[in-house]
Amino acid sequence: MDKKTLASLSKFILGIILIGSVLVLSGCDSIIKEIGEAFSRPSEREKVEIVLTERQKQILYDSGLSTDYDSLLQSQKSAIIAIEEMLQAVEKKYGMEFAYSGYTDATPLENETLWAYPKGGDPSTDSFSVQRSEKMVKLSILIII
């Protein structure tokens, strides 16, 4: 290749890299904003009152925790809400009631996991796990970029 062709090819490749960078960075803004909103605390004006279900209160009581939502740690608040959301999703999908058996929050290596069993079933033989991975996908996107 002569110098002129090589220079043109270099400019073309540099242009593609710049355009790609702009597109990637413009997408990052919306992802970063979405993650920031998910982790931001509402102001006093925007604060929504959370009313726990009887099932949530029973889970907290059985775990030796307060049933008063405001006295829970932030991680406990997030967990009890996630537990109820996951139980409701399974109940909606299968059209039957399930009981809580256990829960672990997401880690960098594992998805958020709920253990449950059919209401009236035996927790030692009928338990199953449900994993929710939507939060992990968002974090993975942020790490990749």
C-alpha atoms as a PDB file:
ATOM      1  CA  MET A   1       0.000   0.000   0.000  1.00  0.00           C
ATOM      2  CA  ASP A   2       1.203   3.453  -0.743  1.00  0.00           C
ATOM      3  CA  LYS A   3       1.266   6.226   1.871  1.00  0.00           C
ATOM      4  CA  LYS A   4      -1.809   7.987   0.482  1.00  0.00           C
ATOM      5  CA  THR A   5      -3.961   4.848   0.671  1.00  0.00           C
ATOM      6  CA  LEU A   6      -2.647   4.035   4.151  1.00  0.00           C
ATOM      7  CA  ALA A   7      -3.422   7.591   5.349  1.00  0.00           C
ATOM      8  CA  SER A   8      -6.967   7.390   3.926  1.00  0.00           C
ATOM      9  CA  LEU A   9      -7.530   4.002   5.553  1.00  0.00           C
ATOM     10  CA  SER A  10      -6.228   5.337   8.891  1.00  0.00           C
ATOM     11  CA  LYS A  11      -8.592   8.329   8.717  1.00  0.00           C
ATOM     12  CA  PHE A  12     -11.515   6.038   7.865  1.00  0.00           C
ATOM     13  CA  ILE A  13     -10.773   3.704  10.787  1.00  0.00           C
ATOM     14  CA  LEU A  14     -10.323   6.669  13.151  1.00  0.00           C
ATOM     15  CA  GLY A  15     -13.689   8.059  11.987  1.00  0.00           C
ATOM     16  CA  ILE A  16     -15.415   4.731  12.638  1.00  0.00           C
ATOM     17  CA  ILE A  17     -13.847   4.544  16.114  1.00  0.00           C
ATOM     18  CA  LEU A  18     -14.983   8.107  16.926  1.00  0.00           C
ATOM     19  CA  ILE A  19     -18.530   7.477  15.715  1.00  0.00           C
ATOM     20  CA  GLY A  20     -18.664   4.213  17.664  1.00  0.00           C
ATOM     21  CA  SER A  21     -17.366   5.944  20.795  1.00  0.00           C
ATOM     22  CA  VAL A  22     -20.016   8.658  20.536  1.00  0.00           C
ATOM     23  CA  LEU A  23     -22.762   6.045  20.133  1.00  0.00           C
ATOM     24  CA  VAL A  24     -21.509   3.997  23.091  1.00  0.00           C
ATOM     25  CA  LEU A  25     -21.131   7.039  25.334  1.00  0.00           C
ATOM     26  CA  SER A  26     -24.582   8.366  24.441  1.00  0.00           C
ATOM     27  CA  GLY A  27     -26.012   4.983  25.494  1.00  0.00           C
ATOM     28  CA  CYS A  28     -24.007   5.037  28.729  1.00  0.00           C
ATOM     29  CA  ASP A  29     -25.734   8.208  29.861  1.00  0.00           C
ATOM     30  CA  SER A  30     -29.159   6.571  29.948  1.00  0.00           C
ATOM     31  CA  ILE A  31     -27.808   3.434  31.653  1.00  0.00           C
ATOM     32  CA  ILE A  32     -25.938   5.435  34.291  1.00  0.00           C
ATOM     33  CA  LYS A  33     -29.009   7.623  34.872  1.00  0.00           C
ATOM     34  CA  GLU A  34     -31.240   4.554  35.255  1.00  0.00           C
ATOM     35  CA  ILE A  35     -28.869   2.939  37.749  1.00  0.00           C
ATOM     36  CA  GLY A  36     -28.503   6.212  39.639  1.00  0.00           C
ATOM     37  CA  GLU A  37     -32.288   6.528  39.937  1.00  0.00           C
ATOM     38  CA  ALA A  38     -32.548   2.962  41.193  1.00  0.00           C
ATOM     39  CA  PHE A  39     -30.118   3.648  44.026  1.00  0.00           C
ATOM     40  CA  SER A  40     -31.118   7.221  44.890  1.00  0.00           C
ATOM     41  CA  ARG A  41     -33.077   7.930  48.025  1.00  0.00           C
ATOM     42  CA  PRO A  42     -36.355   9.757  47.640  1.00  0.00           C
ATOM     43  CA  SER A  43     -36.568  13.191  49.220  1.00  0.00           C
ATOM     44  CA  GLU A  44     -38.911  13.719  52.142  1.00  0.00           C
ATOM     45  CA  ARG A  45     -41.487  15.144  49.740  1.00  0.00           C
ATOM     46  CA  GLU A  46     -41.331  12.126  47.419  1.00  0.00           C
ATOM     47  CA  LYS A  47     -41.219   9.513  50.163  1.00  0.00           C
ATOM     48  CA  VAL A  48     -43.766   6.776  49.580  1.00  0.00           C
ATOM     49  CA  GLU A  49     -45.291   5.022  52.544  1.00  0.00           C
ATOM     50  CA  ILE A  50     -44.671   1.278  52.341  1.00  0.00           C
ATOM     51  CA  VAL A  51     -47.369  -0.925  53.824  1.00  0.00           C
ATOM     52  CA  LEU A  52     -46.200  -4.475  54.450  1.00  0.00           C
ATOM     53  CA  THR A  53     -48.455  -7.408  53.682  1.00  0.00           C
ATOM     54  CA  GLU A  54     -49.321  -9.901  56.406  1.00  0.00           C
ATOM     55  CA  ARG A  55     -46.997 -12.389  54.706  1.00  0.00           C
ATOM     56  CA  GLN A  56     -44.102  -9.901  54.783  1.00  0.00           C
ATOM     57  CA  LYS A  57     -44.741  -9.182  58.459  1.00  0.00           C
ATOM     58  CA  GLN A  58     -44.792 -12.915  59.227  1.00  0.00           C
ATOM     59  CA  ILE A  59     -41.506 -13.472  57.355  1.00  0.00           C
ATOM     60  CA  LEU A  60     -39.881 -10.633  59.305  1.00  0.00           C
ATOM     61  CA  TYR A  61     -41.299 -11.891  62.613  1.00  0.00           C
ATOM     62  CA  ASP A  62     -40.157 -15.467  61.931  1.00  0.00           C
ATOM     63  CA  SER A  63     -36.687 -14.120  61.102  1.00  0.00           C
ATOM     64  CA  GLY A  64     -36.501 -12.254  64.406  1.00  0.00           C
ATOM     65  CA  LEU A  65     -36.748  -8.829  62.769  1.00  0.00           C
ATOM     66  CA  SER A  66     -39.018  -5.883  63.443  1.00  0.00           C
ATOM     67  CA  THR A  67     -42.291  -5.809  61.535  1.00  0.00           C
ATOM     68  CA  ASP A  68     -42.094  -1.997  61.441  1.00  0.00           C
ATOM     69  CA  TYR A  69     -40.773  -1.181  57.971  1.00  0.00           C
ATOM     70  CA  ASP A  70     -39.175   2.127  59.007  1.00  0.00           C
ATOM     71  CA  SER A  71     -37.039   0.462  61.686  1.00  0.00           C
ATOM     72  CA  LEU A  72     -35.454  -2.013  59.241  1.00  0.00           C
ATOM     73  CA  LEU A  73     -32.019  -1.535  57.695  1.00  0.00           C
ATOM     74  CA  GLN A  74     -31.985  -0.512  54.034  1.00  0.00           C
ATOM     75  CA  SER A  75     -30.806  -4.002  53.012  1.00  0.00           C
ATOM     76  CA  GLN A  76     -33.665  -5.581  55.004  1.00  0.00           C
ATOM     77  CA  LYS A  77     -36.188  -3.225  53.390  1.00  0.00           C
ATOM     78  CA  SER A  78     -34.935  -4.132  49.921  1.00  0.00           C
ATOM     79  CA  ALA A  79     -34.977  -7.839  50.761  1.00  0.00           C
ATOM     80  CA  ILE A  80     -38.527  -7.968  52.149  1.00  0.00           C
ATOM     81  CA  ILE A  81     -39.843  -6.086  49.110  1.00  0.00           C
ATOM     82  CA  ALA A  82     -37.929  -8.374  46.724  1.00  0.00           C
ATOM     83  CA  ILE A  83     -39.201 -11.484  48.520  1.00  0.00           C
ATOM     84  CA  GLU A  84     -42.813 -10.383  48.103  1.00  0.00           C
ATOM     85  CA  GLU A  85     -42.296  -9.407  44.454  1.00  0.00           C
ATOM     86  CA  MET A  86     -40.726 -12.774  43.654  1.00  0.00           C
ATOM     87  CA  LEU A  87     -43.421 -14.740  45.530  1.00  0.00           C
ATOM     88  CA  GLN A  88     -46.144 -12.800  43.709  1.00  0.00           C
ATOM     89  CA  ALA A  89     -44.485 -13.460  40.342  1.00  0.00           C
ATOM     90  CA  VAL A  90     -44.329 -17.219  40.998  1.00  0.00           C
ATOM     91  CA  GLU A  91     -47.917 -17.270  42.266  1.00  0.00           C
ATOM     92  CA  LYS A  92     -49.103 -15.393  39.181  1.00  0.00           C
ATOM     93  CA  LYS A  93     -47.229 -17.744  36.866  1.00  0.00           C
ATOM     94  CA  TYR A  94     -48.445 -20.990  38.470  1.00  0.00           C
ATOM     95  CA  GLY A  95     -51.836 -19.871  39.796  1.00  0.00           C
ATOM     96  CA  MET A  96     -51.278 -21.151  43.333  1.00  0.00           C
ATOM     97  CA  GLU A  97     -49.978 -19.885  46.681  1.00  0.00           C
ATOM     98  CA  PHE A  98     -46.408 -20.410  47.804  1.00  0.00           C
ATOM     99  CA  ALA A  99     -44.722 -20.046  51.175  1.00  0.00           C
ATOM    100  CA  TYR A 100     -41.363 -18.431  51.893  1.00  0.00           C
ATOM    101  CA  SER A 101     -38.461 -20.724  52.716  1.00  0.00           C
ATOM    102  CA  GLY A 102     -35.344 -18.539  52.311  1.00  0.00           C
ATOM    103  CA  TYR A 103     -33.687 -15.682  50.458  1.00  0.00           C
ATOM    104  CA  THR A 104     -30.210 -14.489  49.489  1.00  0.00           C
ATOM    105  CA  ASP A 105     -29.431 -11.112  47.993  1.00  0.00           C
ATOM    106  CA  ALA A 106     -27.502 -10.828  44.743  1.00  0.00           C
ATOM    107  CA  THR A 107     -23.719 -10.867  44.834  1.00  0.00           C
ATOM    108  CA  PRO A 108     -21.229 -10.220  42.037  1.00  0.00           C
ATOM    109  CA  LEU A 109     -21.112 -13.977  41.405  1.00  0.00           C
ATOM    110  CA  GLU A 110     -24.709 -15.064  42.093  1.00  0.00           C
ATOM    111  CA  ASN A 111     -28.193 -13.874  41.264  1.00  0.00           C
ATOM    112  CA  GLU A 112     -30.753 -12.866  43.858  1.00  0.00           C
ATOM    113  CA  THR A 113     -32.434 -16.113  44.981  1.00  0.00           C
ATOM    114  CA  LEU A 114     -35.705 -16.950  46.729  1.00  0.00           C
ATOM    115  CA  TRP A 115     -36.527 -20.389  48.117  1.00  0.00           C
ATOM    116  CA  ALA A 116     -40.205 -21.259  48.343  1.00  0.00           C
ATOM    117  CA  TYR A 117     -42.568 -24.220  48.443  1.00  0.00           C
ATOM    118  CA  PRO A 118     -46.268 -24.737  47.698  1.00  0.00           C
ATOM    119  CA  LYS A 119     -48.446 -23.564  50.580  1.00  0.00           C
ATOM    120  CA  GLY A 120     -49.398 -26.646  52.567  1.00  0.00           C
ATOM    121  CA  GLY A 121     -46.405 -28.552  51.181  1.00  0.00           C
ATOM    122  CA  ASP A 122     -43.345 -29.811  53.009  1.00  0.00           C
ATOM    123  CA  PRO A 123     -40.489 -27.263  52.991  1.00  0.00           C
ATOM    124  CA  SER A 124     -37.890 -30.024  53.329  1.00  0.00           C
ATOM    125  CA  THR A 125     -39.013 -31.886  50.195  1.00  0.00           C
ATOM    126  CA  ASP A 126     -41.046 -29.401  48.122  1.00  0.00           C
ATOM    127  CA  SER A 127     -38.753 -26.360  48.164  1.00  0.00           C
ATOM    128  CA  PHE A 128     -37.469 -24.828  44.952  1.00  0.00           C
ATOM    129  CA  SER A 129     -35.439 -21.751  44.102  1.00  0.00           C
ATOM    130  CA  VAL A 130     -36.298 -18.735  41.975  1.00  0.00           C
ATOM    131  CA  GLN A 131     -33.573 -16.441  40.690  1.00  0.00           C
ATOM    132  CA  ARG A 132     -34.009 -12.864  39.601  1.00  0.00           C
ATOM    133  CA  SER A 133     -31.230 -11.513  37.426  1.00  0.00           C
ATOM    134  CA  GLU A 134     -32.449  -8.170  36.056  1.00  0.00           C
ATOM    135  CA  LYS A 135     -30.302  -6.129  38.481  1.00  0.00           C
ATOM    136  CA  MET A 136     -27.217  -8.169  37.599  1.00  0.00           C
ATOM    137  CA  VAL A 137     -27.687  -7.497  33.885  1.00  0.00           C
ATOM    138  CA  LYS A 138     -27.732  -3.736  34.477  1.00  0.00           C
ATOM    139  CA  LEU A 139     -24.599  -3.908  36.590  1.00  0.00           C
ATOM    140  CA  SER A 140     -22.878  -6.094  34.002  1.00  0.00           C
ATOM    141  CA  ILE A 141     -23.601  -3.538  31.295  1.00  0.00           C
ATOM    142  CA  LEU A 142     -22.065  -0.825  33.423  1.00  0.00           C
ATOM    143  CA  ILE A 143     -18.949  -2.920  34.107  1.00  0.00           C
ATOM    144  CA  ILE A 144     -18.503  -3.868  30.431  1.00  0.00           C
ATOM    145  CA  ILE A 145     -18.572  -0.261  29.265  1.00  0.00           C
END
